[in-house]
Amino acid sequence: MAETAHDDVKTLSFEAALEQLELIVQKLESGRAPLAESIAIYERGEALKAHCETLLRTAEARIEKITLSREGKAVGVEPLDAN
């Protein structure tokens, strides 16, 4: 499998990827980057966005609803989407 220029994105935590994405947005919004650099950082931003979305979907899939007793103690957990 061929490596892409943005394979390192896959190793970033959500927070690190989001921080990099915010910096890219700031740089692009400033309009100070040359065209070639703007295109390159935009492509990295797309990779970061996709990675963040994947991490969020994974986290959402793991969320569990805690069932509480009348006393407020956790008595069990069930998947969030269970009815």
PDB file of N, CA and C in Angstrom:
ATOM      1  N   MET A   1       0.843  -1.183   0.000  1.00  0.00           N
ATOM      2  CA  MET A   1       0.000   0.000   0.000  1.00  0.00           C
ATOM      3  C   MET A   1       0.889   1.246   0.000  1.00  0.00           C
ATOM      4  N   ALA A   2       0.623   2.141  -0.872  1.00  0.00           N
ATOM      5  CA  ALA A   2       1.429   3.357  -0.986  1.00  0.00           C
ATOM      6  C   ALA A   2       1.096   4.331   0.135  1.00  0.00           C
ATOM      7  N   GLU A   3       2.131   4.942   0.678  1.00  0.00           N
ATOM      8  CA  GLU A   3       1.915   5.942   1.714  1.00  0.00           C
ATOM      9  C   GLU A   3       1.602   7.280   1.061  1.00  0.00           C
ATOM     10  N   THR A   4       0.725   8.030   1.711  1.00  0.00           N
ATOM     11  CA  THR A   4       0.411   9.364   1.211  1.00  0.00           C
ATOM     12  C   THR A   4       1.133  10.393   2.059  1.00  0.00           C
ATOM     13  N   ALA A   5       1.095  11.627   1.603  1.00  0.00           N
ATOM     14  CA  ALA A   5       1.775  12.709   2.319  1.00  0.00           C
ATOM     15  C   ALA A   5       1.133  12.976   3.678  1.00  0.00           C
ATOM     16  N   HIS A   6      -0.070  12.479   3.887  1.00  0.00           N
ATOM     17  CA  HIS A   6      -0.789  12.792   5.126  1.00  0.00           C
ATOM     18  C   HIS A   6      -1.021  11.557   6.006  1.00  0.00           C
ATOM     19  N   ASP A   7      -0.230  10.504   5.812  1.00  0.00           N
ATOM     20  CA  ASP A   7      -0.390   9.301   6.622  1.00  0.00           C
ATOM     21  C   ASP A   7      -0.159   9.558   8.105  1.00  0.00           C
ATOM     22  N   ASP A   8       0.665  10.558   8.453  1.00  0.00           N
ATOM     23  CA  ASP A   8       0.931  10.873   9.852  1.00  0.00           C
ATOM     24  C   ASP A   8      -0.324  11.344  10.575  1.00  0.00           C
ATOM     25  N   VAL A   9      -1.298  11.836   9.832  1.00  0.00           N
ATOM     26  CA  VAL A   9      -2.549  12.319  10.430  1.00  0.00           C
ATOM     27  C   VAL A   9      -3.237  11.191  11.193  1.00  0.00           C
ATOM     28  N   LYS A  10      -3.138   9.979  10.693  1.00  0.00           N
ATOM     29  CA  LYS A  10      -3.813   8.826  11.296  1.00  0.00           C
ATOM     30  C   LYS A  10      -3.319   8.517  12.703  1.00  0.00           C
ATOM     31  N   THR A  11      -2.148   9.015  13.046  1.00  0.00           N
ATOM     32  CA  THR A  11      -1.586   8.738  14.372  1.00  0.00           C
ATOM     33  C   THR A  11      -1.910   9.819  15.394  1.00  0.00           C
ATOM     34  N   LEU A  12      -2.526  10.912  14.958  1.00  0.00           N
ATOM     35  CA  LEU A  12      -2.797  12.039  15.856  1.00  0.00           C
ATOM     36  C   LEU A  12      -4.011  11.778  16.736  1.00  0.00           C
ATOM     37  N   SER A  13      -3.957  12.309  17.947  1.00  0.00           N
ATOM     38  CA  SER A  13      -5.139  12.291  18.805  1.00  0.00           C
ATOM     39  C   SER A  13      -6.149  13.280  18.232  1.00  0.00           C
ATOM     40  N   PHE A  14      -7.380  13.186  18.692  1.00  0.00           N
ATOM     41  CA  PHE A  14      -8.414  14.117  18.235  1.00  0.00           C
ATOM     42  C   PHE A  14      -8.005  15.554  18.525  1.00  0.00           C
ATOM     43  N   GLU A  15      -7.509  15.780  19.730  1.00  0.00           N
ATOM     44  CA  GLU A  15      -7.140  17.137  20.138  1.00  0.00           C
ATOM     45  C   GLU A  15      -6.008  17.704  19.289  1.00  0.00           C
ATOM     46  N   ALA A  16      -4.996  16.883  19.018  1.00  0.00           N
ATOM     47  CA  ALA A  16      -3.864  17.335  18.203  1.00  0.00           C
ATOM     48  C   ALA A  16      -4.303  17.617  16.766  1.00  0.00           C
ATOM     49  N   ALA A  17      -5.145  16.749  16.226  1.00  0.00           N
ATOM     50  CA  ALA A  17      -5.636  16.952  14.864  1.00  0.00           C
ATOM     51  C   ALA A  17      -6.490  18.206  14.777  1.00  0.00           C
ATOM     52  N   LEU A  18      -7.336  18.422  15.761  1.00  0.00           N
ATOM     53  CA  LEU A  18      -8.192  19.604  15.777  1.00  0.00           C
ATOM     54  C   LEU A  18      -7.362  20.884  15.894  1.00  0.00           C
ATOM     55  N   GLU A  19      -6.328  20.841  16.717  1.00  0.00           N
ATOM     56  CA  GLU A  19      -5.446  22.009  16.870  1.00  0.00           C
ATOM     57  C   GLU A  19      -4.765  22.345  15.539  1.00  0.00           C
ATOM     58  N   GLN A  20      -4.257  21.316  14.856  1.00  0.00           N
ATOM     59  CA  GLN A  20      -3.632  21.553  13.557  1.00  0.00           C
ATOM     60  C   GLN A  20      -4.644  22.088  12.547  1.00  0.00           C
ATOM     61  N   LEU A  21      -5.844  21.555  12.582  1.00  0.00           N
ATOM     62  CA  LEU A  21      -6.890  22.007  11.664  1.00  0.00           C
ATOM     63  C   LEU A  21      -7.233  23.475  11.913  1.00  0.00           C
ATOM     64  N   GLU A  22      -7.305  23.868  13.174  1.00  0.00           N
ATOM     65  CA  GLU A  22      -7.582  25.274  13.504  1.00  0.00           C
ATOM     66  C   GLU A  22      -6.481  26.194  12.993  1.00  0.00           C
ATOM     67  N   LEU A  23      -5.226  25.756  13.104  1.00  0.00           N
ATOM     68  CA  LEU A  23      -4.113  26.562  12.597  1.00  0.00           C
ATOM     69  C   LEU A  23      -4.173  26.698  11.074  1.00  0.00           C
ATOM     70  N   ILE A  24      -4.559  25.637  10.405  1.00  0.00           N
ATOM     71  CA  ILE A  24      -4.694  25.682   8.946  1.00  0.00           C
ATOM     72  C   ILE A  24      -5.788  26.659   8.540  1.00  0.00           C
ATOM     73  N   VAL A  25      -6.916  26.598   9.230  1.00  0.00           N
ATOM     74  CA  VAL A  25      -8.020  27.516   8.925  1.00  0.00           C
ATOM     75  C   VAL A  25      -7.566  28.965   9.109  1.00  0.00           C
ATOM     76  N   GLN A  26      -6.870  29.248  10.207  1.00  0.00           N
ATOM     77  CA  GLN A  26      -6.374  30.604  10.449  1.00  0.00           C
ATOM     78  C   GLN A  26      -5.443  31.059   9.330  1.00  0.00           C
ATOM     79  N   LYS A  27      -4.548  30.171   8.919  1.00  0.00           N
ATOM     80  CA  LYS A  27      -3.590  30.531   7.875  1.00  0.00           C
ATOM     81  C   LYS A  27      -4.299  30.787   6.547  1.00  0.00           C
ATOM     82  N   LEU A  28      -5.255  29.933   6.201  1.00  0.00           N
ATOM     83  CA  LEU A  28      -5.988  30.116   4.950  1.00  0.00           C
ATOM     84  C   LEU A  28      -6.838  31.388   4.990  1.00  0.00           C
ATOM     85  N   GLU A  29      -7.465  31.655   6.131  1.00  0.00           N
ATOM     86  CA  GLU A  29      -8.299  32.846   6.248  1.00  0.00           C
ATOM     87  C   GLU A  29      -7.479  34.129   6.194  1.00  0.00           C
ATOM     88  N   SER A  30      -6.219  34.055   6.593  1.00  0.00           N
ATOM     89  CA  SER A  30      -5.375  35.250   6.574  1.00  0.00           C
ATOM     90  C   SER A  30      -5.051  35.680   5.146  1.00  0.00           C
ATOM     91  N   GLY A  31      -5.079  34.734   4.213  1.00  0.00           N
ATOM     92  CA  GLY A  31      -4.787  35.038   2.823  1.00  0.00           C
ATOM     93  C   GLY A  31      -3.324  35.329   2.549  1.00  0.00           C
ATOM     94  N   ARG A  32      -2.466  35.008   3.488  1.00  0.00           N
ATOM     95  CA  ARG A  32      -1.048  35.330   3.345  1.00  0.00           C
ATOM     96  C   ARG A  32      -0.217  34.200   2.749  1.00  0.00           C
ATOM     97  N   ALA A  33      -0.795  33.022   2.612  1.00  0.00           N
ATOM     98  CA  ALA A  33      -0.027  31.894   2.075  1.00  0.00           C
ATOM     99  C   ALA A  33      -0.057  31.926   0.551  1.00  0.00           C
ATOM    100  N   PRO A  34       1.061  31.623  -0.079  1.00  0.00           N
ATOM    101  CA  PRO A  34       1.077  31.537  -1.538  1.00  0.00           C
ATOM    102  C   PRO A  34       0.122  30.435  -2.012  1.00  0.00           C
ATOM    103  N   LEU A  35      -0.292  30.499  -3.255  1.00  0.00           N
ATOM    104  CA  LEU A  35      -1.282  29.567  -3.793  1.00  0.00           C
ATOM    105  C   LEU A  35      -0.871  28.111  -3.613  1.00  0.00           C
ATOM    106  N   ALA A  36       0.333  27.757  -3.981  1.00  0.00           N
ATOM    107  CA  ALA A  36       0.782  26.361  -3.880  1.00  0.00           C
ATOM    108  C   ALA A  36       0.731  25.874  -2.430  1.00  0.00           C
ATOM    109  N   GLU A  37       1.159  26.728  -1.504  1.00  0.00           N
ATOM    110  CA  GLU A  37       1.111  26.364  -0.083  1.00  0.00           C
ATOM    111  C   GLU A  37      -0.328  26.261   0.395  1.00  0.00           C
ATOM    112  N   SER A  38      -1.181  27.154  -0.049  1.00  0.00           N
ATOM    113  CA  SER A  38      -2.592  27.116   0.332  1.00  0.00           C
ATOM    114  C   SER A  38      -3.238  25.807  -0.089  1.00  0.00           C
ATOM    115  N   ILE A  39      -2.918  25.366  -1.294  1.00  0.00           N
ATOM    116  CA  ILE A  39      -3.478  24.107  -1.781  1.00  0.00           C
ATOM    117  C   ILE A  39      -2.983  22.937  -0.935  1.00  0.00           C
ATOM    118  N   ALA A  40      -1.695  22.931  -0.629  1.00  0.00           N
ATOM    119  CA  ALA A  40      -1.113  21.847   0.166  1.00  0.00           C
ATOM    120  C   ALA A  40      -1.706  21.803   1.573  1.00  0.00           C
ATOM    121  N   ILE A  41      -1.827  22.961   2.212  1.00  0.00           N
ATOM    122  CA  ILE A  41      -2.364  22.947   3.574  1.00  0.00           C
ATOM    123  C   ILE A  41      -3.869  22.684   3.572  1.00  0.00           C
ATOM    124  N   TYR A  42      -4.561  23.069   2.504  1.00  0.00           N
ATOM    125  CA  TYR A  42      -5.981  22.743   2.386  1.00  0.00           C
ATOM    126  C   TYR A  42      -6.154  21.222   2.308  1.00  0.00           C
ATOM    127  N   GLU A  43      -5.304  20.559   1.525  1.00  0.00           N
ATOM    128  CA  GLU A  43      -5.370  19.106   1.412  1.00  0.00           C
ATOM    129  C   GLU A  43      -5.094  18.443   2.760  1.00  0.00           C
ATOM    130  N   ARG A  44      -4.128  18.980   3.507  1.00  0.00           N
ATOM    131  CA  ARG A  44      -3.856  18.436   4.843  1.00  0.00           C
ATOM    132  C   ARG A  44      -5.065  18.677   5.751  1.00  0.00           C
ATOM    133  N   GLY A  45      -5.673  19.840   5.620  1.00  0.00           N
ATOM    134  CA  GLY A  45      -6.861  20.135   6.410  1.00  0.00           C
ATOM    135  C   GLY A  45      -7.981  19.146   6.130  1.00  0.00           C
ATOM    136  N   GLU A  46      -8.150  18.768   4.887  1.00  0.00           N
ATOM    137  CA  GLU A  46      -9.163  17.772   4.525  1.00  0.00           C
ATOM    138  C   GLU A  46      -8.859  16.430   5.195  1.00  0.00           C
ATOM    139  N   ALA A  47      -7.582  16.034   5.207  1.00  0.00           N
ATOM    140  CA  ALA A  47      -7.184  14.787   5.852  1.00  0.00           C
ATOM    141  C   ALA A  47      -7.427  14.867   7.365  1.00  0.00           C
ATOM    142  N   LEU A  48      -7.107  16.008   7.962  1.00  0.00           N
ATOM    143  CA  LEU A  48      -7.339  16.194   9.400  1.00  0.00           C
ATOM    144  C   LEU A  48      -8.827  16.157   9.726  1.00  0.00           C
ATOM    145  N   LYS A  49      -9.636  16.798   8.906  1.00  0.00           N
ATOM    146  CA  LYS A  49     -11.094  16.814   9.113  1.00  0.00           C
ATOM    147  C   LYS A  49     -11.658  15.393   9.057  1.00  0.00           C
ATOM    148  N   ALA A  50     -11.235  14.629   8.057  1.00  0.00           N
ATOM    149  CA  ALA A  50     -11.709  13.254   7.921  1.00  0.00           C
ATOM    150  C   ALA A  50     -11.287  12.416   9.129  1.00  0.00           C
ATOM    151  N   HIS A  51     -10.067  12.621   9.604  1.00  0.00           N
ATOM    152  CA  HIS A  51      -9.576  11.885  10.770  1.00  0.00           C
ATOM    153  C   HIS A  51     -10.381  12.234  12.022  1.00  0.00           C
ATOM    154  N   CYS A  52     -10.651  13.515  12.221  1.00  0.00           N
ATOM    155  CA  CYS A  52     -11.454  13.944  13.371  1.00  0.00           C
ATOM    156  C   CYS A  52     -12.856  13.338  13.303  1.00  0.00           C
ATOM    157  N   GLU A  53     -13.451  13.337  12.127  1.00  0.00           N
ATOM    158  CA  GLU A  53     -14.787  12.762  11.972  1.00  0.00           C
ATOM    159  C   GLU A  53     -14.784  11.268  12.290  1.00  0.00           C
ATOM    160  N   THR A  54     -13.754  10.558  11.861  1.00  0.00           N
ATOM    161  CA  THR A  54     -13.641   9.129  12.157  1.00  0.00           C
ATOM    162  C   THR A  54     -13.511   8.900  13.659  1.00  0.00           C
ATOM    163  N   LEU A  55     -12.663   9.694  14.306  1.00  0.00           N
ATOM    164  CA  LEU A  55     -12.491   9.552  15.756  1.00  0.00           C
ATOM    165  C   LEU A  55     -13.786   9.856  16.494  1.00  0.00           C
ATOM    166  N   LEU A  56     -14.528  10.853  16.048  1.00  0.00           N
ATOM    167  CA  LEU A  56     -15.796  11.183  16.696  1.00  0.00           C
ATOM    168  C   LEU A  56     -16.814  10.065  16.517  1.00  0.00           C
ATOM    169  N   ARG A  57     -16.905   9.499  15.311  1.00  0.00           N
ATOM    170  CA  ARG A  57     -17.838   8.391  15.080  1.00  0.00           C
ATOM    171  C   ARG A  57     -17.486   7.194  15.955  1.00  0.00           C
ATOM    172  N   THR A  58     -16.193   6.927  16.097  1.00  0.00           N
ATOM    173  CA  THR A  58     -15.745   5.826  16.950  1.00  0.00           C
ATOM    174  C   THR A  58     -16.125   6.081  18.404  1.00  0.00           C
ATOM    175  N   ALA A  59     -15.921   7.301  18.858  1.00  0.00           N
ATOM    176  CA  ALA A  59     -16.266   7.645  20.242  1.00  0.00           C
ATOM    177  C   ALA A  59     -17.771   7.545  20.473  1.00  0.00           C
ATOM    178  N   GLU A  60     -18.552   8.034  19.525  1.00  0.00           N
ATOM    179  CA  GLU A  60     -20.008   7.964  19.658  1.00  0.00           C
ATOM    180  C   GLU A  60     -20.483   6.529  19.742  1.00  0.00           C
ATOM    181  N   ALA A  61     -19.841   5.638  18.992  1.00  0.00           N
ATOM    182  CA  ALA A  61     -20.227   4.230  19.004  1.00  0.00           C
ATOM    183  C   ALA A  61     -19.950   3.589  20.359  1.00  0.00           C
ATOM    184  N   ARG A  62     -19.035   4.156  21.109  1.00  0.00           N
ATOM    185  CA  ARG A  62     -18.661   3.590  22.410  1.00  0.00           C
ATOM    186  C   ARG A  62     -19.441   4.175  23.578  1.00  0.00           C
ATOM    187  N   ILE A  63     -20.178   5.227  23.321  1.00  0.00           N
ATOM    188  CA  ILE A  63     -20.920   5.859  24.419  1.00  0.00           C
ATOM    189  C   ILE A  63     -21.961   4.890  24.962  1.00  0.00           C
ATOM    190  N   GLU A  64     -22.019   4.800  26.241  1.00  0.00           N
ATOM    191  CA  GLU A  64     -22.994   3.939  26.873  1.00  0.00           C
ATOM    192  C   GLU A  64     -23.872   4.768  27.805  1.00  0.00           C
ATOM    193  N   LYS A  65     -25.107   4.354  27.894  1.00  0.00           N
ATOM    194  CA  LYS A  65     -26.029   5.016  28.811  1.00  0.00           C
ATOM    195  C   LYS A  65     -25.990   4.259  30.138  1.00  0.00           C
ATOM    196  N   ILE A  66     -25.776   4.974  31.209  1.00  0.00           N
ATOM    197  CA  ILE A  66     -25.721   4.364  32.531  1.00  0.00           C
ATOM    198  C   ILE A  66     -27.111   4.401  33.141  1.00  0.00           C
ATOM    199  N   THR A  67     -27.574   3.247  33.582  1.00  0.00           N
ATOM    200  CA  THR A  67     -28.860   3.153  34.243  1.00  0.00           C
ATOM    201  C   THR A  67     -28.651   3.382  35.739  1.00  0.00           C
ATOM    202  N   LEU A  68     -29.409   4.321  36.291  1.00  0.00           N
ATOM    203  CA  LEU A  68     -29.265   4.653  37.707  1.00  0.00           C
ATOM    204  C   LEU A  68     -30.441   4.114  38.505  1.00  0.00           C
ATOM    205  N   SER A  69     -30.159   3.679  39.741  1.00  0.00           N
ATOM    206  CA  SER A  69     -31.215   3.262  40.652  1.00  0.00           C
ATOM    207  C   SER A  69     -31.858   4.503  41.255  1.00  0.00           C
ATOM    208  N   ARG A  70     -32.899   4.321  42.025  1.00  0.00           N
ATOM    209  CA  ARG A  70     -33.563   5.453  42.682  1.00  0.00           C
ATOM    210  C   ARG A  70     -32.612   6.202  43.615  1.00  0.00           C
ATOM    211  N   GLU A  71     -31.628   5.489  44.119  1.00  0.00           N
ATOM    212  CA  GLU A  71     -30.653   6.101  45.016  1.00  0.00           C
ATOM    213  C   GLU A  71     -29.549   6.819  44.256  1.00  0.00           C
ATOM    214  N   GLY A  72     -29.573   6.740  42.942  1.00  0.00           N
ATOM    215  CA  GLY A  72     -28.576   7.414  42.131  1.00  0.00           C
ATOM    216  C   GLY A  72     -27.317   6.608  41.880  1.00  0.00           C
ATOM    217  N   LYS A  73     -27.361   5.312  42.190  1.00  0.00           N
ATOM    218  CA  LYS A  73     -26.199   4.459  41.966  1.00  0.00           C
ATOM    219  C   LYS A  73     -26.305   3.788  40.599  1.00  0.00           C
ATOM    220  N   ALA A  74     -25.169   3.634  39.944  1.00  0.00           N
ATOM    221  CA  ALA A  74     -25.144   2.966  38.646  1.00  0.00           C
ATOM    222  C   ALA A  74     -25.474   1.492  38.850  1.00  0.00           C
ATOM    223  N   VAL A  75     -26.478   1.002  38.130  1.00  0.00           N
ATOM    224  CA  VAL A  75     -26.868  -0.397  38.259  1.00  0.00           C
ATOM    225  C   VAL A  75     -26.643  -1.174  36.969  1.00  0.00           C
ATOM    226  N   GLY A  76     -26.289  -0.506  35.929  1.00  0.00           N
ATOM    227  CA  GLY A  76     -26.029  -1.211  34.683  1.00  0.00           C
ATOM    228  C   GLY A  76     -25.767  -0.245  33.561  1.00  0.00           C
ATOM    229  N   VAL A  77     -25.229  -0.761  32.520  1.00  0.00           N
ATOM    230  CA  VAL A  77     -24.996   0.066  31.333  1.00  0.00           C
ATOM    231  C   VAL A  77     -25.611  -0.628  30.138  1.00  0.00           C
ATOM    232  N   GLU A  78     -26.007   0.140  29.167  1.00  0.00           N
ATOM    233  CA  GLU A  78     -26.545  -0.390  27.926  1.00  0.00           C
ATOM    234  C   GLU A  78     -26.111   0.530  26.804  1.00  0.00           C
ATOM    235  N   PRO A  79     -26.073   0.005  25.590  1.00  0.00           N
ATOM    236  CA  PRO A  79     -25.694   0.868  24.476  1.00  0.00           C
ATOM    237  C   PRO A  79     -26.610   2.079  24.387  1.00  0.00           C
ATOM    238  N   LEU A  80     -26.076   3.205  23.938  1.00  0.00           N
ATOM    239  CA  LEU A  80     -26.826   4.443  23.853  1.00  0.00           C
ATOM    240  C   LEU A  80     -28.065   4.299  23.001  1.00  0.00           C
ATOM    241  N   ASP A  81     -27.998   3.543  21.911  1.00  0.00           N
ATOM    242  CA  ASP A  81     -29.138   3.444  21.008  1.00  0.00           C
ATOM    243  C   ASP A  81     -30.125   2.357  21.382  1.00  0.00           C
ATOM    244  N   ALA A  82     -29.921   1.650  22.496  1.00  0.00           N
ATOM    245  CA  ALA A  82     -30.857   0.615  22.925  1.00  0.00           C
ATOM    246  C   ALA A  82     -32.124   1.240  23.472  1.00  0.00           C
ATOM    247  N   ASN A  83     -33.245   0.629  23.183  1.00  0.00           N
ATOM    248  CA  ASN A  83     -34.530   1.140  23.684  1.00  0.00           C
ATOM    249  C   ASN A  83     -35.213   0.119  24.553  1.00  0.00           C
TER     250      ASN A  83
END
